[in-house]
Amino acid sequence: MDDIKIIATNRKAYHDYFIEEQHEAGIALTGTE
């Protein structure tokens, strides 16, 4: 599970703004279906 795949980037945000922090987020799907 160490493979990190970037599925979305916002290059304009890096160009127009100073990015102070980066956060990694995900979802966990649970249920019976």
PDB file of N, CA and C in Angstrom:
ATOM      1  N   MET A   1       0.817  -1.204   0.000  1.00  0.00           N
ATOM      2  CA  MET A   1       0.000   0.000   0.000  1.00  0.00           C
ATOM      3  C   MET A   1       0.853   1.257   0.000  1.00  0.00           C
ATOM      4  N   ASP A   2       2.116   1.132  -0.271  1.00  0.00           N
ATOM      5  CA  ASP A   2       2.976   2.304  -0.301  1.00  0.00           C
ATOM      6  C   ASP A   2       2.910   3.036  -1.636  1.00  0.00           C
ATOM      7  N   ASP A   3       2.184   2.468  -2.614  1.00  0.00           N
ATOM      8  CA  ASP A   3       2.061   3.134  -3.904  1.00  0.00           C
ATOM      9  C   ASP A   3       1.089   4.296  -3.772  1.00  0.00           C
ATOM     10  N   ILE A   4       1.586   5.508  -3.966  1.00  0.00           N
ATOM     11  CA  ILE A   4       0.747   6.704  -3.896  1.00  0.00           C
ATOM     12  C   ILE A   4       0.486   7.162  -5.324  1.00  0.00           C
ATOM     13  N   LYS A   5      -0.774   7.284  -5.679  1.00  0.00           N
ATOM     14  CA  LYS A   5      -1.160   7.680  -7.026  1.00  0.00           C
ATOM     15  C   LYS A   5      -1.869   9.028  -6.948  1.00  0.00           C
ATOM     16  N   ILE A   6      -1.346  10.012  -7.637  1.00  0.00           N
ATOM     17  CA  ILE A   6      -1.961  11.338  -7.663  1.00  0.00           C
ATOM     18  C   ILE A   6      -3.044  11.327  -8.734  1.00  0.00           C
ATOM     19  N   ILE A   7      -4.272  11.601  -8.327  1.00  0.00           N
ATOM     20  CA  ILE A   7      -5.373  11.584  -9.286  1.00  0.00           C
ATOM     21  C   ILE A   7      -5.860  12.987  -9.632  1.00  0.00           C
ATOM     22  N   ALA A   8      -5.416  13.994  -8.891  1.00  0.00           N
ATOM     23  CA  ALA A   8      -5.837  15.361  -9.184  1.00  0.00           C
ATOM     24  C   ALA A   8      -4.768  16.335  -8.698  1.00  0.00           C
ATOM     25  N   THR A   9      -4.442  17.299  -9.526  1.00  0.00           N
ATOM     26  CA  THR A   9      -3.517  18.355  -9.126  1.00  0.00           C
ATOM     27  C   THR A   9      -4.096  19.697  -9.564  1.00  0.00           C
ATOM     28  N   ASN A  10      -3.703  20.728  -8.873  1.00  0.00           N
ATOM     29  CA  ASN A  10      -4.145  22.070  -9.218  1.00  0.00           C
ATOM     30  C   ASN A  10      -2.891  22.903  -9.451  1.00  0.00           C
ATOM     31  N   ARG A  11      -2.416  22.879 -10.677  1.00  0.00           N
ATOM     32  CA  ARG A  11      -1.167  23.581 -10.997  1.00  0.00           C
ATOM     33  C   ARG A  11      -1.315  25.092 -10.886  1.00  0.00           C
ATOM     34  N   LYS A  12      -2.498  25.617 -11.180  1.00  0.00           N
ATOM     35  CA  LYS A  12      -2.707  27.059 -11.090  1.00  0.00           C
ATOM     36  C   LYS A  12      -2.595  27.532  -9.648  1.00  0.00           C
ATOM     37  N   ALA A  13      -3.035  26.712  -8.696  1.00  0.00           N
ATOM     38  CA  ALA A  13      -2.916  27.083  -7.286  1.00  0.00           C
ATOM     39  C   ALA A  13      -1.449  27.200  -6.892  1.00  0.00           C
ATOM     40  N   TYR A  14      -0.612  26.322  -7.397  1.00  0.00           N
ATOM     41  CA  TYR A  14       0.811  26.421  -7.092  1.00  0.00           C
ATOM     42  C   TYR A  14       1.419  27.658  -7.744  1.00  0.00           C
ATOM     43  N   HIS A  15       0.874  28.080  -8.862  1.00  0.00           N
ATOM     44  CA  HIS A  15       1.408  29.242  -9.565  1.00  0.00           C
ATOM     45  C   HIS A  15       0.952  30.550  -8.914  1.00  0.00           C
ATOM     46  N   ASP A  16      -0.318  30.618  -8.527  1.00  0.00           N
ATOM     47  CA  ASP A  16      -0.890  31.870  -8.032  1.00  0.00           C
ATOM     48  C   ASP A  16      -0.732  32.074  -6.530  1.00  0.00           C
ATOM     49  N   TYR A  17      -0.542  30.998  -5.785  1.00  0.00           N
ATOM     50  CA  TYR A  17      -0.532  31.105  -4.332  1.00  0.00           C
ATOM     51  C   TYR A  17       0.682  30.390  -3.755  1.00  0.00           C
ATOM     52  N   PHE A  18       1.051  30.750  -2.555  1.00  0.00           N
ATOM     53  CA  PHE A  18       2.097  30.046  -1.825  1.00  0.00           C
ATOM     54  C   PHE A  18       1.451  28.918  -1.031  1.00  0.00           C
ATOM     55  N   ILE A  19       1.833  27.699  -1.334  1.00  0.00           N
ATOM     56  CA  ILE A  19       1.274  26.538  -0.641  1.00  0.00           C
ATOM     57  C   ILE A  19       2.106  26.291   0.611  1.00  0.00           C
ATOM     58  N   GLU A  20       1.493  26.517   1.768  1.00  0.00           N
ATOM     59  CA  GLU A  20       2.213  26.385   3.032  1.00  0.00           C
ATOM     60  C   GLU A  20       2.251  24.944   3.525  1.00  0.00           C
ATOM     61  N   GLU A  21       1.156  24.235   3.366  1.00  0.00           N
ATOM     62  CA  GLU A  21       1.084  22.855   3.845  1.00  0.00           C
ATOM     63  C   GLU A  21       0.374  21.994   2.819  1.00  0.00           C
ATOM     64  N   GLN A  22       0.694  20.718   2.840  1.00  0.00           N
ATOM     65  CA  GLN A  22      -0.019  19.753   2.014  1.00  0.00           C
ATOM     66  C   GLN A  22      -0.588  18.686   2.928  1.00  0.00           C
ATOM     67  N   HIS A  23      -1.803  18.274   2.634  1.00  0.00           N
ATOM     68  CA  HIS A  23      -2.464  17.249   3.438  1.00  0.00           C
ATOM     69  C   HIS A  23      -2.869  16.095   2.536  1.00  0.00           C
ATOM     70  N   GLU A  24      -2.785  14.905   3.074  1.00  0.00           N
ATOM     71  CA  GLU A  24      -3.214  13.719   2.349  1.00  0.00           C
ATOM     72  C   GLU A  24      -4.508  13.226   2.969  1.00  0.00           C
ATOM     73  N   ALA A  25      -5.481  12.922   2.130  1.00  0.00           N
ATOM     74  CA  ALA A  25      -6.785  12.477   2.629  1.00  0.00           C
ATOM     75  C   ALA A  25      -7.260  11.286   1.809  1.00  0.00           C
ATOM     76  N   GLY A  26      -8.126  10.514   2.397  1.00  0.00           N
ATOM     77  CA  GLY A  26      -8.681   9.365   1.698  1.00  0.00           C
ATOM     78  C   GLY A  26     -10.029   8.996   2.288  1.00  0.00           C
ATOM     79  N   ILE A  27     -10.652   7.997   1.670  1.00  0.00           N
ATOM     80  CA  ILE A  27     -11.936   7.520   2.173  1.00  0.00           C
ATOM     81  C   ILE A  27     -11.851   6.015   2.373  1.00  0.00           C
ATOM     82  N   ALA A  28     -12.639   5.531   3.288  1.00  0.00           N
ATOM     83  CA  ALA A  28     -12.747   4.091   3.533  1.00  0.00           C
ATOM     84  C   ALA A  28     -14.202   3.703   3.332  1.00  0.00           C
ATOM     85  N   LEU A  29     -14.430   2.792   2.403  1.00  0.00           N
ATOM     86  CA  LEU A  29     -15.788   2.359   2.109  1.00  0.00           C
ATOM     87  C   LEU A  29     -16.123   1.143   2.957  1.00  0.00           C
ATOM     88  N   THR A  30     -17.248   1.209   3.645  1.00  0.00           N
ATOM     89  CA  THR A  30     -17.704   0.076   4.455  1.00  0.00           C
ATOM     90  C   THR A  30     -19.179  -0.150   4.175  1.00  0.00           C
ATOM     91  N   GLY A  31     -19.617  -1.360   4.343  1.00  0.00           N
ATOM     92  CA  GLY A  31     -21.028  -1.666   4.141  1.00  0.00           C
ATOM     93  C   GLY A  31     -21.203  -3.083   3.634  1.00  0.00           C
ATOM     94  N   THR A  32     -22.444  -3.453   3.406  1.00  0.00           N
ATOM     95  CA  THR A  32     -22.746  -4.819   2.984  1.00  0.00           C
ATOM     96  C   THR A  32     -22.877  -4.949   1.477  1.00  0.00           C
ATOM     97  N   GLU A  33     -22.984  -3.860   0.755  1.00  0.00           N
ATOM     98  CA  GLU A  33     -23.170  -3.950  -0.693  1.00  0.00           C
ATOM     99  C   GLU A  33     -21.862  -3.849  -1.431  1.00  0.00           C
TER     100      GLU A  33
END
